[in-house]
C-alpha atoms as a PDB file:
ATOM      1  CA  MET A   1       0.053  -0.090   0.069  1.00  0.00           C
ATOM      2  CA  VAL A   2       2.985   2.282   0.871  1.00  0.00           C
ATOM      3  CA  LEU A   3       4.811   1.475  -2.355  1.00  0.00           C
ATOM      4  CA  CYS A   4       1.593   1.857  -4.692  1.00  0.00           C
ATOM      5  CA  SER A   5       0.755   4.986  -2.950  1.00  0.00           C
ATOM      6  CA  THR A   6       4.231   6.817  -3.027  1.00  0.00           C
ATOM      7  CA  ARG A   7       5.511   5.150  -6.354  1.00  0.00           C
ATOM      8  CA  VAL A   8       2.309   4.696  -8.460  1.00  0.00           C
ATOM      9  CA  SER A   9       0.077   7.362  -7.205  1.00  0.00           C
ATOM     10  CA  GLY A  10       2.911   9.964  -6.364  1.00  0.00           C
ATOM     11  CA  ILE A  11       1.604  10.872  -2.786  1.00  0.00           C
ATOM     12  CA  PRO A  12       4.292  12.153  -0.818  1.00  0.00           C
ATOM     13  CA  GLU A  13       5.837   9.855   1.782  1.00  0.00           C
ATOM     14  CA  HIS A  14       5.147  12.440   4.591  1.00  0.00           C
ATOM     15  CA  GLU A  15       1.461  12.411   3.731  1.00  0.00           C
ATOM     16  CA  VAL A  16       1.369   8.617   3.502  1.00  0.00           C
ATOM     17  CA  PHE A  17       3.056   8.139   7.002  1.00  0.00           C
ATOM     18  CA  SER A  18       1.115  11.052   8.662  1.00  0.00           C
ATOM     19  CA  THR A  19      -2.417  10.871   7.281  1.00  0.00           C
ATOM     20  CA  LEU A  20      -3.242   7.716   4.950  1.00  0.00           C
ATOM     21  CA  PHE A  21      -1.357   5.325   7.379  1.00  0.00           C
ATOM     22  CA  PHE A  22      -3.753   6.220  10.223  1.00  0.00           C
ATOM     23  CA  SER A  23      -6.783   6.471   8.185  1.00  0.00           C
ATOM     24  CA  GLU A  24      -9.720   4.067   8.874  1.00  0.00           C
ATOM     25  CA  SER A  25      -9.525   2.193   5.619  1.00  0.00           C
ATOM     26  CA  TRP A  26      -5.925   1.623   5.921  1.00  0.00           C
ATOM     27  CA  GLN A  27      -6.325   0.478   9.565  1.00  0.00           C
ATOM     28  CA  ALA A  28      -9.021  -1.931   8.602  1.00  0.00           C
ATOM     29  CA  VAL A  29      -6.641  -3.689   6.248  1.00  0.00           C
ATOM     30  CA  PHE A  30      -3.981  -3.600   8.777  1.00  0.00           C
ATOM     31  CA  ALA A  31      -6.410  -5.311  11.164  1.00  0.00           C
ATOM     32  CA  VAL A  32      -7.072  -8.205   8.801  1.00  0.00           C
ATOM     33  CA  ASP A  33      -3.337  -8.797   7.607  1.00  0.00           C
ATOM     34  CA  HIS A  34      -2.023  -8.595  11.119  1.00  0.00           C
ATOM     35  CA  SER A  35      -4.610 -10.625  12.922  1.00  0.00           C
ATOM     36  CA  PHE A  36      -3.532 -13.507  15.036  1.00  0.00           C
ATOM     37  CA  PHE A  37      -6.714 -15.234  14.357  1.00  0.00           C
ATOM     38  CA  VAL A  38      -6.386 -14.919  10.456  1.00  0.00           C
ATOM     39  CA  TRP A  39      -2.983 -16.083  10.262  1.00  0.00           C
ATOM     40  CA  GLY A  40      -3.377 -18.822  13.053  1.00  0.00           C
ATOM     41  CA  SER A  41      -6.483 -20.231  11.210  1.00  0.00           C
ATOM     42  CA  LEU A  42      -4.684 -20.283   8.065  1.00  0.00           C
ATOM     43  CA  LEU A  43      -1.612 -22.073   9.613  1.00  0.00           C
ATOM     44  CA  GLY A  44      -3.940 -24.595  11.157  1.00  0.00           C
ATOM     45  CA  LEU A  45      -5.803 -25.208   7.853  1.00  0.00           C
ATOM     46  CA  ALA A  46      -2.308 -25.783   6.332  1.00  0.00           C
ATOM     47  CA  LEU A  47      -1.099 -28.132   8.958  1.00  0.00           C
ATOM     48  CA  TRP A  48      -4.468 -30.069   8.518  1.00  0.00           C
ATOM     49  CA  ARG A  49      -4.192 -30.247   4.685  1.00  0.00           C
ATOM     50  CA  ARG A  50      -0.351 -30.997   4.935  1.00  0.00           C
ATOM     51  CA  ARG A  51       0.432 -28.066   2.501  1.00  0.00           C
ATOM     52  CA  LEU A  52       4.022 -26.980   3.009  1.00  0.00           C
ATOM     53  CA  ILE A  53       4.026 -23.791   1.085  1.00  0.00           C
ATOM     54  CA  LEU A  54       0.977 -22.641   2.728  1.00  0.00           C
ATOM     55  CA  ARG A  55       2.455 -23.698   5.994  1.00  0.00           C
ATOM     56  CA  ALA A  56       5.552 -21.534   5.500  1.00  0.00           C
ATOM     57  CA  PHE A  57       3.382 -18.615   4.181  1.00  0.00           C
ATOM     58  CA  ALA A  58       1.160 -18.713   7.149  1.00  0.00           C
ATOM     59  CA  GLY A  59       3.881 -19.158   9.584  1.00  0.00           C
ATOM     60  CA  ALA A  60       5.529 -16.302   8.127  1.00  0.00           C
ATOM     61  CA  GLY A  61       2.484 -14.006   8.388  1.00  0.00           C
ATOM     62  CA  LEU A  62       2.002 -15.068  12.114  1.00  0.00           C
ATOM     63  CA  LEU A  63       5.682 -14.420  12.895  1.00  0.00           C
ATOM     64  CA  HIS A  64       5.255 -10.950  11.292  1.00  0.00           C
ATOM     65  CA  ALA A  65       2.103 -10.213  13.134  1.00  0.00           C
ATOM     66  CA  LEU A  66       3.952 -11.275  16.388  1.00  0.00           C
ATOM     67  CA  ALA A  67       7.101  -9.054  15.600  1.00  0.00           C
ATOM     68  CA  ASP A  68       4.624  -6.092  14.739  1.00  0.00           C
ATOM     69  CA  PHE A  69       2.835  -6.668  18.066  1.00  0.00           C
ATOM     70  CA  LEU A  70       6.140  -6.356  19.991  1.00  0.00           C
ATOM     71  CA  THR A  71       7.445  -3.357  18.083  1.00  0.00           C
ATOM     72  CA  HIS A  72       4.781  -0.969  17.164  1.00  0.00           C
ATOM     73  CA  HIS A  73       3.756   1.871  19.653  1.00  0.00           C
ATOM     74  CA  ASP A  74       1.841   4.839  18.131  1.00  0.00           C
ATOM     75  CA  ASP A  75       1.044   2.896  14.929  1.00  0.00           C
ATOM     76  CA  ALA A  76      -0.008  -0.356  16.642  1.00  0.00           C
ATOM     77  CA  ARG A  77      -2.198  -2.906  14.895  1.00  0.00           C
ATOM     78  CA  ARG A  78      -5.552  -4.706  15.936  1.00  0.00           C
ATOM     79  CA  GLN A  79      -3.988  -8.171  16.152  1.00  0.00           C
ATOM     80  CA  LEU A  80      -6.988  -9.812  17.723  1.00  0.00           C
ATOM     81  CA  TRP A  81      -9.336  -8.727  14.989  1.00  0.00           C
ATOM     82  CA  PRO A  82     -12.259  -9.837  14.496  1.00  0.00           C
ATOM     83  CA  VAL A  83     -12.564 -10.782  18.014  1.00  0.00           C
ATOM     84  CA  SER A  84     -11.542  -7.486  19.609  1.00  0.00           C
ATOM     85  CA  ASP A  85     -10.576  -4.073  18.210  1.00  0.00           C
ATOM     86  CA  TRP A  86      -8.180  -3.707  21.272  1.00  0.00           C
ATOM     87  CA  VAL A  87      -4.864  -2.432  20.534  1.00  0.00           C
ATOM     88  CA  PHE A  88      -1.631  -3.451  22.261  1.00  0.00           C
ATOM     89  CA  ARG A  89       0.810  -0.420  22.248  1.00  0.00           C
ATOM     90  CA  SER A  90       4.275  -1.859  22.813  1.00  0.00           C
ATOM     91  CA  PRO A  91       6.660   0.023  24.868  1.00  0.00           C
ATOM     92  CA  VAL A  92       9.046  -0.435  21.951  1.00  0.00           C
ATOM     93  CA  SER A  93       8.874   1.077  18.383  1.00  0.00           C
ATOM     94  CA  TYR A  94      10.973  -0.243  15.449  1.00  0.00           C
ATOM     95  CA  TRP A  95      11.287   3.280  14.020  1.00  0.00           C
ATOM     96  CA  ASN A  96      10.170   5.958  16.542  1.00  0.00           C
ATOM     97  CA  PRO A  97      13.194   7.306  18.611  1.00  0.00           C
ATOM     98  CA  GLN A  98      10.589   8.347  21.389  1.00  0.00           C
ATOM     99  CA  PHE A  99      10.122   4.564  22.062  1.00  0.00           C
ATOM    100  CA  TYR A 100      13.791   3.133  21.510  1.00  0.00           C
ATOM    101  CA  GLY A 101      13.574   3.248  17.618  1.00  0.00           C
ATOM    102  CA  GLU A 102      17.286   4.014  17.259  1.00  0.00           C
ATOM    103  CA  ALA A 103      18.301   1.283  19.506  1.00  0.00           C
ATOM    104  CA  PHE A 104      15.959  -1.154  17.880  1.00  0.00           C
ATOM    105  CA  GLY A 105      17.338   0.040  14.363  1.00  0.00           C
ATOM    106  CA  MET A 106      20.949  -0.905  15.603  1.00  0.00           C
ATOM    107  CA  PHE A 107      19.741  -4.308  16.913  1.00  0.00           C
ATOM    108  CA  GLU A 108      17.930  -4.910  13.636  1.00  0.00           C
ATOM    109  CA  VAL A 109      20.957  -4.146  11.470  1.00  0.00           C
ATOM    110  CA  ALA A 110      23.160  -6.271  13.800  1.00  0.00           C
ATOM    111  CA  LEU A 111      20.671  -9.126  13.485  1.00  0.00           C
ATOM    112  CA  VAL A 112      20.673  -8.987   9.729  1.00  0.00           C
ATOM    113  CA  VAL A 113      24.474  -8.843   9.690  1.00  0.00           C
ATOM    114  CA  GLY A 114      24.721 -11.750  12.076  1.00  0.00           C
ATOM    115  CA  LEU A 115      22.239 -13.935  10.314  1.00  0.00           C
ATOM    116  CA  THR A 116      23.292 -13.076   6.828  1.00  0.00           C
ATOM    117  CA  SER A 117      26.967 -13.816   7.777  1.00  0.00           C
ATOM    118  CA  PHE A 118      25.666 -17.171   9.379  1.00  0.00           C
ATOM    119  CA  LEU A 119      23.763 -18.219   6.466  1.00  0.00           C
ATOM    120  CA  CYS A 120      26.570 -17.307   3.995  1.00  0.00           C
ATOM    121  CA  TRP A 121      28.997 -19.390   6.123  1.00  0.00           C
ATOM    122  CA  ARG A 122      26.561 -22.504   6.205  1.00  0.00           C
ATOM    123  CA  LEU A 123      25.628 -22.409   2.532  1.00  0.00           C
ATOM    124  CA  GLU A 124      27.761 -24.040   0.194  1.00  0.00           C
ATOM    125  CA  ARG A 125      26.436 -22.949  -3.275  1.00  0.00           C
ATOM    126  CA  TRP A 126      27.161 -19.519  -4.506  1.00  0.00           C
ATOM    127  CA  ARG A 127      23.523 -19.106  -5.716  1.00  0.00           C
ATOM    128  CA  ASP A 128      22.142 -19.676  -2.278  1.00  0.00           C
ATOM    129  CA  ARG A 129      24.627 -17.098  -0.842  1.00  0.00           C
ATOM    130  CA  ALA A 130      23.764 -14.519  -3.497  1.00  0.00           C
ATOM    131  CA  LEU A 131      20.071 -14.997  -2.600  1.00  0.00           C
ATOM    132  CA  VAL A 132      20.659 -14.258   0.958  1.00  0.00           C
ATOM    133  CA  LEU A 133      22.806 -11.327   0.144  1.00  0.00           C
ATOM    134  CA  ALA A 134      20.106 -10.066  -2.222  1.00  0.00           C
ATOM    135  CA  VAL A 135      17.366 -10.358   0.631  1.00  0.00           C
ATOM    136  CA  ALA A 136      19.645  -8.588   3.173  1.00  0.00           C
ATOM    137  CA  ALA A 137      20.654  -5.930   0.653  1.00  0.00           C
ATOM    138  CA  PRO A 138      17.573  -3.464   0.935  1.00  0.00           C
ATOM    139  CA  LEU A 139      18.187  -3.129   4.813  1.00  0.00           C
ATOM    140  CA  LEU A 140      21.881  -2.987   4.671  1.00  0.00           C
ATOM    141  CA  VAL A 141      22.912  -0.901   1.575  1.00  0.00           C
ATOM    142  CA  PRO A 142      21.127   2.287   2.713  1.00  0.00           C
ATOM    143  CA  VAL A 143      22.853   1.967   6.095  1.00  0.00           C
ATOM    144  CA  LEU A 144      26.137   1.521   4.418  1.00  0.00           C
ATOM    145  CA  LEU A 145      25.846   4.316   1.931  1.00  0.00           C
ATOM    146  CA  THR A 146      24.429   6.778   4.373  1.00  0.00           C
ATOM    147  CA  GLY A 147      25.940   5.728   7.697  1.00  0.00           C
ATOM    148  CA  SER A 148      22.349   6.387   9.161  1.00  0.00           C
ATOM    149  CA  LEU A 149      19.594   4.313  10.426  1.00  0.00           C
ATOM    150  CA  HIS A 150      17.102   7.122   9.222  1.00  0.00           C
ATOM    151  CA  GLY A 151      16.262   5.556   5.971  1.00  0.00           C
ATOM    152  CA  LEU A 152      15.629   2.148   7.230  1.00  0.00           C
ATOM    153  CA  HIS A 153      11.888   2.112   7.128  1.00  0.00           C
ATOM    154  CA  GLY A 154      10.973   4.737   4.646  1.00  0.00           C
ATOM    155  CA  MET A 155      10.672   7.127   7.623  1.00  0.00           C
END
């Protein structure tokens, strides 16, 4: 939604992150795609049907919802939708410096560097290593080029 708004529709990033992001329509989408119940049900279905790809997809969605649950403060999601509209406001924000965003950014970069190094060390085929590096690059390259964590999350 952010990419489509900023790159396709040409809406300035500050407007997306200050207005659209908090609008009722965007929050309704976030409630569905961050719901523990939606992802948990999909994971249960995948396990029951023994579908490996669906299990990986649903597991990744559930893991993402959990990570967001723990790292969103003023932009928190409704992870208990459709059962509840309650929102947990984490004491940690992955981007907002008022809630340890800079410290979390350093942790995030260190985690990516560590896991990328570990995977490249463990993987034998150059193609596999290249894939790992390609996935890590969008996070690491801006930090390496600018020396700043500011551009990590498009903020």
